[in-house]
Amino acid sequence: MTTILVAMGEKNEIGADNQLLWHLPKDLKHFKDLTSGHPIIMGRKTYESIGKALPNRTNIVISRKKNWFEEGILIVGSIKEAVKFAKKINENVFIIGGGNVYEQTMEIADRLEVTLVKAELKADTFFPKIDPKIWKLSEEIFHEKDEKNQYDFSFQTYEKIEH
């Protein structure tokens, strides 16, 4: 199962200046719970925005940058290569960004795990449109903002419709 994991605003915004647009501890815990023990695939800029390899996961980073090395991660040159390595490690693979990686993996994904943040913020990076002819919302859990989470948000699961 290949799952795309994303937190986005109401206009599909996901980031600005290589940073997330919000800090939602409940979403970070959800992310950790879903991905722990599984391979995660990300682009180099996403990796750099995180700043380190995430523990308890195989971190696979896609980069065209030559002679680039970081401790604790697997660096590959393509999405195809990343998915091939990830599937050898574990059948459940998570794609965690960024924008270009999401665009290139929508076709191969089986599931979308979306945190839909009830906000419209200025962004320079966006998630591709979720086509209702391809994706069916199968679960949605709403969370109200609180003292630690500044926005209302929902965890949404989309399953690919078999054609």
N, C-alpha and C. Protein backbone atom coordinates (compact mmCIF):
# COMPACT_ATOMS: atom_id res chain seq x y z
N MET A 1 0.85 -1.18 0.00
CA MET A 1 0.00 0.00 0.00
C MET A 1 0.90 1.24 0.00
N THR A 2 0.67 2.09 -0.97
CA THR A 2 1.41 3.36 -1.05
C THR A 2 0.46 4.47 -0.65
N THR A 3 0.81 5.18 0.42
CA THR A 3 -0.04 6.22 0.98
C THR A 3 0.65 7.57 0.89
N ILE A 4 -0.08 8.55 0.40
CA ILE A 4 0.40 9.93 0.43
C ILE A 4 -0.15 10.56 1.70
N LEU A 5 0.73 11.21 2.45
CA LEU A 5 0.37 11.84 3.71
C LEU A 5 0.61 13.34 3.56
N VAL A 6 -0.44 14.14 3.80
CA VAL A 6 -0.30 15.59 3.60
C VAL A 6 -1.18 16.36 4.58
N ALA A 7 -0.71 17.52 4.99
CA ALA A 7 -1.54 18.48 5.72
C ALA A 7 -1.68 19.68 4.79
N MET A 8 -2.94 20.07 4.53
CA MET A 8 -3.15 21.17 3.60
C MET A 8 -4.31 22.05 4.05
N GLY A 9 -4.27 23.29 3.58
CA GLY A 9 -5.34 24.23 3.88
C GLY A 9 -6.51 24.05 2.92
N GLU A 10 -7.50 24.90 3.06
CA GLU A 10 -8.73 24.78 2.27
C GLU A 10 -8.53 25.04 0.78
N LYS A 11 -7.44 25.69 0.42
CA LYS A 11 -7.13 25.94 -1.00
C LYS A 11 -5.94 25.08 -1.44
N ASN A 12 -5.76 23.92 -0.79
CA ASN A 12 -4.70 22.95 -1.09
C ASN A 12 -3.29 23.46 -0.79
N GLU A 13 -3.17 24.54 -0.02
CA GLU A 13 -1.86 25.06 0.31
C GLU A 13 -1.16 24.17 1.33
N ILE A 14 0.14 23.93 1.09
CA ILE A 14 0.90 23.06 2.00
C ILE A 14 2.14 23.70 2.58
N GLY A 15 2.65 24.77 1.95
CA GLY A 15 3.86 25.36 2.49
C GLY A 15 4.20 26.70 1.88
N ALA A 16 5.15 27.37 2.53
CA ALA A 16 5.69 28.64 2.04
C ALA A 16 7.14 28.73 2.49
N ASP A 17 8.01 29.12 1.59
CA ASP A 17 9.44 29.24 1.91
C ASP A 17 9.99 27.97 2.56
N ASN A 18 9.58 26.81 2.02
CA ASN A 18 10.05 25.50 2.49
C ASN A 18 9.72 25.23 3.96
N GLN A 19 8.60 25.79 4.43
CA GLN A 19 8.14 25.56 5.80
C GLN A 19 6.65 25.22 5.79
N LEU A 20 6.21 24.47 6.80
CA LEU A 20 4.78 24.22 6.97
C LEU A 20 4.11 25.53 7.36
N LEU A 21 2.80 25.61 7.17
CA LEU A 21 2.07 26.85 7.42
C LEU A 21 1.46 26.92 8.82
N TRP A 22 1.53 25.84 9.58
CA TRP A 22 0.90 25.80 10.90
C TRP A 22 1.65 24.81 11.78
N HIS A 23 1.37 24.88 13.08
CA HIS A 23 1.93 23.92 14.03
C HIS A 23 0.75 23.30 14.76
N LEU A 24 0.47 22.03 14.44
CA LEU A 24 -0.66 21.32 15.04
C LEU A 24 -0.14 20.04 15.71
N PRO A 25 0.09 20.08 17.02
CA PRO A 25 0.62 18.90 17.72
C PRO A 25 -0.18 17.62 17.48
N LYS A 26 -1.52 17.71 17.40
CA LYS A 26 -2.34 16.51 17.14
C LYS A 26 -2.03 15.92 15.77
N ASP A 27 -1.78 16.79 14.80
CA ASP A 27 -1.43 16.31 13.46
C ASP A 27 -0.05 15.67 13.46
N LEU A 28 0.90 16.25 14.19
CA LEU A 28 2.24 15.68 14.26
C LEU A 28 2.20 14.29 14.91
N LYS A 29 1.37 14.12 15.94
CA LYS A 29 1.22 12.81 16.58
C LYS A 29 0.58 11.82 15.61
N HIS A 30 -0.43 12.26 14.88
CA HIS A 30 -1.11 11.43 13.87
C HIS A 30 -0.09 10.97 12.81
N PHE A 31 0.74 11.89 12.34
CA PHE A 31 1.79 11.60 11.37
C PHE A 31 2.73 10.53 11.92
N LYS A 32 3.18 10.73 13.15
CA LYS A 32 4.12 9.78 13.79
C LYS A 32 3.47 8.41 13.95
N ASP A 33 2.21 8.38 14.41
CA ASP A 33 1.51 7.11 14.61
C ASP A 33 1.37 6.34 13.29
N LEU A 34 1.04 7.04 12.22
CA LEU A 34 0.86 6.38 10.92
C LEU A 34 2.18 5.87 10.33
N THR A 35 3.24 6.66 10.45
CA THR A 35 4.48 6.35 9.73
C THR A 35 5.51 5.55 10.51
N SER A 36 5.44 5.50 11.83
CA SER A 36 6.44 4.78 12.63
C SER A 36 6.55 3.33 12.17
N GLY A 37 7.78 2.89 11.97
CA GLY A 37 8.04 1.52 11.55
C GLY A 37 7.94 1.30 10.05
N HIS A 38 7.67 2.35 9.29
CA HIS A 38 7.50 2.23 7.84
C HIS A 38 8.47 3.14 7.10
N PRO A 39 8.76 2.81 5.84
CA PRO A 39 9.58 3.72 5.04
C PRO A 39 8.80 4.98 4.66
N ILE A 40 9.49 6.11 4.69
CA ILE A 40 8.89 7.38 4.24
C ILE A 40 9.73 7.91 3.09
N ILE A 41 9.04 8.43 2.08
CA ILE A 41 9.70 8.97 0.90
C ILE A 41 9.42 10.46 0.85
N MET A 42 10.49 11.23 0.59
CA MET A 42 10.33 12.69 0.51
C MET A 42 11.36 13.27 -0.46
N GLY A 43 11.10 14.46 -0.92
CA GLY A 43 12.07 15.19 -1.71
C GLY A 43 13.12 15.82 -0.82
N ARG A 44 14.23 16.24 -1.44
CA ARG A 44 15.34 16.82 -0.67
C ARG A 44 14.93 18.07 0.10
N LYS A 45 14.14 18.95 -0.53
CA LYS A 45 13.73 20.19 0.15
C LYS A 45 12.88 19.88 1.38
N THR A 46 12.01 18.88 1.27
CA THR A 46 11.21 18.48 2.44
C THR A 46 12.13 17.98 3.54
N TYR A 47 13.11 17.14 3.16
CA TYR A 47 14.06 16.65 4.15
C TYR A 47 14.79 17.82 4.83
N GLU A 48 15.24 18.77 4.02
CA GLU A 48 15.96 19.92 4.57
C GLU A 48 15.07 20.76 5.49
N SER A 49 13.77 20.84 5.19
CA SER A 49 12.86 21.61 6.06
C SER A 49 12.66 20.90 7.40
N ILE A 50 12.70 19.56 7.38
CA ILE A 50 12.60 18.79 8.64
C ILE A 50 13.91 18.91 9.41
N GLY A 51 15.03 18.84 8.69
CA GLY A 51 16.34 19.08 9.29
C GLY A 51 17.07 17.86 9.80
N LYS A 52 16.40 16.72 9.83
CA LYS A 52 17.06 15.49 10.31
C LYS A 52 16.24 14.28 9.88
N ALA A 53 16.86 13.12 9.96
CA ALA A 53 16.14 11.88 9.68
C ALA A 53 15.12 11.65 10.80
N LEU A 54 13.92 11.23 10.42
CA LEU A 54 12.88 10.95 11.42
C LEU A 54 13.12 9.57 12.01
N PRO A 55 13.09 9.46 13.34
CA PRO A 55 13.39 8.17 13.99
C PRO A 55 12.32 7.11 13.75
N ASN A 56 12.72 5.85 13.87
CA ASN A 56 11.84 4.68 13.75
C ASN A 56 11.22 4.54 12.36
N ARG A 57 11.86 5.11 11.35
CA ARG A 57 11.39 5.02 9.98
C ARG A 57 12.61 4.98 9.06
N THR A 58 12.49 4.30 7.92
CA THR A 58 13.53 4.39 6.90
C THR A 58 13.25 5.65 6.11
N ASN A 59 14.16 6.61 6.15
CA ASN A 59 14.01 7.89 5.47
C ASN A 59 14.64 7.78 4.08
N ILE A 60 13.82 7.84 3.04
CA ILE A 60 14.30 7.78 1.66
C ILE A 60 14.09 9.16 1.04
N VAL A 61 15.18 9.75 0.59
CA VAL A 61 15.15 11.12 0.07
C VAL A 61 15.50 11.10 -1.42
N ILE A 62 14.63 11.73 -2.22
CA ILE A 62 14.86 11.81 -3.66
C ILE A 62 15.60 13.11 -3.93
N SER A 63 16.74 12.99 -4.62
CA SER A 63 17.53 14.18 -4.93
C SER A 63 18.28 14.00 -6.24
N ARG A 64 18.35 15.09 -7.00
CA ARG A 64 19.17 15.09 -8.21
C ARG A 64 20.53 15.72 -7.92
N LYS A 65 20.71 16.19 -6.71
CA LYS A 65 21.96 16.84 -6.31
C LYS A 65 23.08 15.79 -6.23
N LYS A 66 24.14 16.02 -6.93
CA LYS A 66 25.29 15.08 -6.93
C LYS A 66 26.16 15.31 -5.70
N ASN A 67 26.82 14.25 -5.27
CA ASN A 67 27.76 14.31 -4.14
C ASN A 67 27.13 14.88 -2.87
N TRP A 68 25.84 14.62 -2.69
CA TRP A 68 25.15 15.06 -1.48
C TRP A 68 24.99 13.86 -0.57
N PHE A 69 25.35 14.00 0.68
CA PHE A 69 25.28 12.88 1.62
C PHE A 69 24.80 13.39 2.97
N GLU A 70 23.94 12.62 3.58
CA GLU A 70 23.49 12.91 4.95
C GLU A 70 23.46 11.60 5.71
N GLU A 71 23.84 11.65 6.95
CA GLU A 71 23.84 10.48 7.82
C GLU A 71 22.41 10.01 8.09
N GLY A 72 22.18 8.71 8.04
CA GLY A 72 20.89 8.16 8.47
C GLY A 72 19.78 8.17 7.46
N ILE A 73 20.08 8.52 6.20
CA ILE A 73 19.03 8.49 5.18
C ILE A 73 19.54 7.75 3.94
N LEU A 74 18.59 7.27 3.14
CA LEU A 74 18.90 6.65 1.86
C LEU A 74 18.60 7.68 0.78
N ILE A 75 19.58 8.01 -0.04
CA ILE A 75 19.39 9.01 -1.10
C ILE A 75 19.28 8.29 -2.44
N VAL A 76 18.21 8.59 -3.17
CA VAL A 76 17.97 7.97 -4.48
C VAL A 76 17.72 9.08 -5.50
N GLY A 77 17.80 8.71 -6.79
CA GLY A 77 17.68 9.70 -7.84
C GLY A 77 16.31 9.86 -8.45
N SER A 78 15.36 8.94 -8.12
CA SER A 78 14.04 9.01 -8.74
C SER A 78 12.96 8.45 -7.82
N ILE A 79 11.73 8.81 -8.13
CA ILE A 79 10.59 8.29 -7.37
C ILE A 79 10.49 6.78 -7.56
N LYS A 80 10.69 6.33 -8.79
CA LYS A 80 10.61 4.89 -9.08
C LYS A 80 11.61 4.11 -8.20
N GLU A 81 12.83 4.62 -8.12
CA GLU A 81 13.86 3.99 -7.30
C GLU A 81 13.48 4.03 -5.82
N ALA A 82 12.94 5.16 -5.37
CA ALA A 82 12.53 5.31 -3.97
C ALA A 82 11.47 4.28 -3.60
N VAL A 83 10.45 4.14 -4.46
CA VAL A 83 9.36 3.19 -4.19
C VAL A 83 9.88 1.75 -4.21
N LYS A 84 10.77 1.45 -5.14
CA LYS A 84 11.34 0.10 -5.24
C LYS A 84 12.07 -0.26 -3.93
N PHE A 85 12.93 0.64 -3.44
CA PHE A 85 13.64 0.39 -2.18
C PHE A 85 12.66 0.26 -1.02
N ALA A 86 11.70 1.19 -0.95
CA ALA A 86 10.75 1.21 0.16
C ALA A 86 9.95 -0.09 0.24
N LYS A 87 9.47 -0.59 -0.90
CA LYS A 87 8.66 -1.82 -0.93
C LYS A 87 9.45 -3.04 -0.48
N LYS A 88 10.78 -3.01 -0.67
CA LYS A 88 11.62 -4.12 -0.20
C LYS A 88 11.68 -4.13 1.33
N ILE A 89 11.54 -2.96 1.92
CA ILE A 89 11.62 -2.82 3.37
C ILE A 89 10.29 -3.16 4.03
N ASN A 90 9.20 -2.63 3.45
CA ASN A 90 7.87 -2.82 4.04
C ASN A 90 6.83 -2.53 2.96
N GLU A 91 5.76 -3.30 2.93
CA GLU A 91 4.70 -3.09 1.93
C GLU A 91 4.01 -1.74 2.09
N ASN A 92 3.94 -1.24 3.34
CA ASN A 92 3.27 0.05 3.59
C ASN A 92 4.28 1.18 3.51
N VAL A 93 4.14 1.97 2.46
CA VAL A 93 5.06 3.06 2.17
C VAL A 93 4.31 4.38 2.27
N PHE A 94 4.96 5.39 2.86
CA PHE A 94 4.35 6.71 3.00
C PHE A 94 5.15 7.75 2.24
N ILE A 95 4.45 8.54 1.42
CA ILE A 95 5.05 9.64 0.68
C ILE A 95 4.67 10.91 1.43
N ILE A 96 5.69 11.68 1.85
CA ILE A 96 5.41 12.81 2.75
C ILE A 96 5.75 14.18 2.17
N GLY A 97 6.01 14.26 0.87
CA GLY A 97 6.18 15.57 0.25
C GLY A 97 7.51 15.75 -0.43
N GLY A 98 7.68 16.89 -0.97
CA GLY A 98 6.82 18.05 -1.07
C GLY A 98 5.96 18.08 -2.33
N GLY A 99 5.63 19.28 -2.74
CA GLY A 99 4.70 19.51 -3.82
C GLY A 99 5.00 18.74 -5.10
N ASN A 100 6.24 18.78 -5.57
CA ASN A 100 6.60 18.07 -6.80
C ASN A 100 6.48 16.57 -6.63
N VAL A 101 6.91 16.07 -5.49
CA VAL A 101 6.84 14.63 -5.22
C VAL A 101 5.37 14.19 -5.18
N TYR A 102 4.51 15.00 -4.54
CA TYR A 102 3.08 14.67 -4.51
C TYR A 102 2.51 14.59 -5.93
N GLU A 103 2.82 15.59 -6.75
CA GLU A 103 2.31 15.60 -8.13
C GLU A 103 2.71 14.34 -8.88
N GLN A 104 3.94 13.91 -8.69
CA GLN A 104 4.46 12.77 -9.43
C GLN A 104 4.02 11.42 -8.86
N THR A 105 3.43 11.41 -7.67
CA THR A 105 3.05 10.13 -7.06
C THR A 105 1.55 9.91 -6.93
N MET A 106 0.74 10.89 -7.31
CA MET A 106 -0.73 10.74 -7.21
C MET A 106 -1.21 9.50 -7.97
N GLU A 107 -0.61 9.22 -9.11
CA GLU A 107 -1.04 8.07 -9.92
C GLU A 107 -0.71 6.73 -9.28
N ILE A 108 0.42 6.65 -8.57
CA ILE A 108 0.82 5.36 -8.00
C ILE A 108 0.27 5.13 -6.60
N ALA A 109 -0.27 6.17 -5.98
CA ALA A 109 -0.78 6.03 -4.60
C ALA A 109 -2.08 5.23 -4.56
N ASP A 110 -2.25 4.47 -3.47
CA ASP A 110 -3.47 3.70 -3.22
C ASP A 110 -4.40 4.45 -2.27
N ARG A 111 -3.80 5.29 -1.42
CA ARG A 111 -4.56 5.97 -0.37
C ARG A 111 -3.98 7.36 -0.14
N LEU A 112 -4.87 8.28 0.27
CA LEU A 112 -4.43 9.61 0.70
C LEU A 112 -4.84 9.77 2.15
N GLU A 113 -3.90 10.17 2.99
CA GLU A 113 -4.19 10.53 4.38
C GLU A 113 -4.00 12.05 4.45
N VAL A 114 -5.11 12.76 4.51
CA VAL A 114 -5.08 14.22 4.44
C VAL A 114 -5.48 14.82 5.78
N THR A 115 -4.69 15.77 6.25
CA THR A 115 -5.13 16.62 7.35
C THR A 115 -5.60 17.91 6.68
N LEU A 116 -6.90 18.12 6.70
CA LEU A 116 -7.47 19.32 6.08
C LEU A 116 -7.61 20.39 7.16
N VAL A 117 -6.78 21.43 7.05
CA VAL A 117 -6.75 22.50 8.04
C VAL A 117 -7.74 23.57 7.61
N LYS A 118 -8.63 23.95 8.52
CA LYS A 118 -9.67 24.95 8.21
C LYS A 118 -9.05 26.35 8.26
N ALA A 119 -8.26 26.64 7.22
CA ALA A 119 -7.59 27.93 7.14
C ALA A 119 -7.21 28.18 5.69
N GLU A 120 -7.09 29.45 5.35
CA GLU A 120 -6.56 29.85 4.05
C GLU A 120 -5.36 30.73 4.34
N LEU A 121 -4.18 30.22 4.03
CA LEU A 121 -2.96 30.94 4.34
C LEU A 121 -2.15 31.17 3.07
N LYS A 122 -1.29 32.16 3.11
CA LYS A 122 -0.42 32.46 1.96
C LYS A 122 0.57 31.31 1.79
N ALA A 123 0.69 30.83 0.56
CA ALA A 123 1.57 29.69 0.30
C ALA A 123 2.21 29.81 -1.07
N ASP A 124 3.31 29.07 -1.24
CA ASP A 124 3.93 28.98 -2.56
C ASP A 124 3.99 27.53 -3.05
N THR A 125 3.49 26.61 -2.22
CA THR A 125 3.48 25.19 -2.58
C THR A 125 2.09 24.63 -2.28
N PHE A 126 1.58 23.85 -3.24
CA PHE A 126 0.20 23.36 -3.15
C PHE A 126 0.13 21.86 -3.44
N PHE A 127 -0.89 21.23 -2.86
CA PHE A 127 -1.15 19.82 -3.11
C PHE A 127 -2.02 19.72 -4.38
N PRO A 128 -1.81 18.69 -5.21
CA PRO A 128 -2.65 18.56 -6.40
C PRO A 128 -4.13 18.42 -6.03
N LYS A 129 -5.00 18.81 -6.94
CA LYS A 129 -6.44 18.69 -6.73
C LYS A 129 -6.80 17.22 -6.56
N ILE A 130 -7.66 16.91 -5.59
CA ILE A 130 -8.11 15.54 -5.37
C ILE A 130 -9.34 15.32 -6.25
N ASP A 131 -9.19 14.52 -7.28
CA ASP A 131 -10.26 14.28 -8.27
C ASP A 131 -11.27 13.28 -7.70
N PRO A 132 -12.54 13.69 -7.51
CA PRO A 132 -13.56 12.78 -6.95
C PRO A 132 -13.89 11.60 -7.87
N LYS A 133 -13.47 11.66 -9.13
CA LYS A 133 -13.66 10.50 -10.03
C LYS A 133 -12.61 9.42 -9.75
N ILE A 134 -11.53 9.81 -9.08
CA ILE A 134 -10.43 8.88 -8.80
C ILE A 134 -10.38 8.51 -7.31
N TRP A 135 -10.74 9.46 -6.44
CA TRP A 135 -10.61 9.28 -4.99
C TRP A 135 -11.96 9.38 -4.29
N LYS A 136 -12.18 8.46 -3.35
CA LYS A 136 -13.42 8.46 -2.56
C LYS A 136 -13.05 8.68 -1.09
N LEU A 137 -13.71 9.67 -0.47
CA LEU A 137 -13.51 9.91 0.96
C LEU A 137 -14.12 8.75 1.73
N SER A 138 -13.30 8.03 2.49
CA SER A 138 -13.81 6.86 3.22
C SER A 138 -13.92 7.09 4.72
N GLU A 139 -13.21 8.11 5.23
CA GLU A 139 -13.28 8.39 6.67
C GLU A 139 -12.92 9.85 6.90
N GLU A 140 -13.58 10.46 7.89
CA GLU A 140 -13.25 11.84 8.26
C GLU A 140 -13.49 12.01 9.76
N ILE A 141 -12.46 12.52 10.44
CA ILE A 141 -12.55 12.76 11.88
C ILE A 141 -12.22 14.24 12.12
N PHE A 142 -13.18 14.96 12.67
CA PHE A 142 -13.04 16.39 12.89
C PHE A 142 -12.41 16.67 14.25
N HIS A 143 -11.52 17.67 14.30
CA HIS A 143 -10.90 18.11 15.55
C HIS A 143 -11.07 19.62 15.68
N GLU A 144 -11.61 20.06 16.81
CA GLU A 144 -11.75 21.50 17.06
C GLU A 144 -10.43 22.07 17.54
N LYS A 145 -10.22 23.34 17.18
CA LYS A 145 -9.00 24.00 17.67
C LYS A 145 -9.06 24.05 19.20
N ASP A 146 -7.88 24.08 19.81
CA ASP A 146 -7.78 24.17 21.26
C ASP A 146 -6.55 24.99 21.63
N GLU A 147 -6.14 24.94 22.88
CA GLU A 147 -5.03 25.79 23.30
C GLU A 147 -3.71 25.42 22.62
N LYS A 148 -3.59 24.18 22.13
CA LYS A 148 -2.34 23.76 21.48
C LYS A 148 -2.44 23.73 19.96
N ASN A 149 -3.65 23.60 19.42
CA ASN A 149 -3.85 23.49 17.98
C ASN A 149 -4.65 24.71 17.51
N GLN A 150 -4.02 25.60 16.76
CA GLN A 150 -4.59 26.92 16.47
C GLN A 150 -5.72 26.94 15.45
N TYR A 151 -5.95 25.83 14.75
CA TYR A 151 -7.03 25.78 13.75
C TYR A 151 -7.88 24.52 13.94
N ASP A 152 -9.14 24.61 13.50
CA ASP A 152 -9.95 23.40 13.35
C ASP A 152 -9.34 22.60 12.20
N PHE A 153 -9.42 21.27 12.29
CA PHE A 153 -8.91 20.45 11.20
C PHE A 153 -9.59 19.09 11.20
N SER A 154 -9.48 18.37 10.08
CA SER A 154 -10.04 17.03 9.96
C SER A 154 -8.98 16.08 9.42
N PHE A 155 -8.98 14.87 9.96
CA PHE A 155 -8.19 13.80 9.36
C PHE A 155 -9.10 13.12 8.35
N GLN A 156 -8.68 13.10 7.09
CA GLN A 156 -9.49 12.49 6.03
C GLN A 156 -8.70 11.36 5.38
N THR A 157 -9.39 10.25 5.12
CA THR A 157 -8.79 9.14 4.39
C THR A 157 -9.53 8.99 3.07
N TYR A 158 -8.76 8.99 1.99
CA TYR A 158 -9.31 8.77 0.65
C TYR A 158 -8.77 7.46 0.11
N GLU A 159 -9.65 6.68 -0.48
CA GLU A 159 -9.26 5.43 -1.14
C GLU A 159 -9.39 5.61 -2.64
N LYS A 160 -8.48 5.02 -3.39
CA LYS A 160 -8.55 5.09 -4.84
C LYS A 160 -9.73 4.24 -5.31
N ILE A 161 -10.53 4.80 -6.22
CA ILE A 161 -11.68 4.08 -6.78
C ILE A 161 -11.16 3.15 -7.86
N GLU A 162 -11.54 1.89 -7.76
CA GLU A 162 -11.14 0.92 -8.78
C GLU A 162 -11.97 1.12 -10.04
N HIS A 163 -11.31 1.22 -11.18
CA HIS A 163 -12.03 1.40 -12.45
C HIS A 163 -11.97 0.16 -13.28
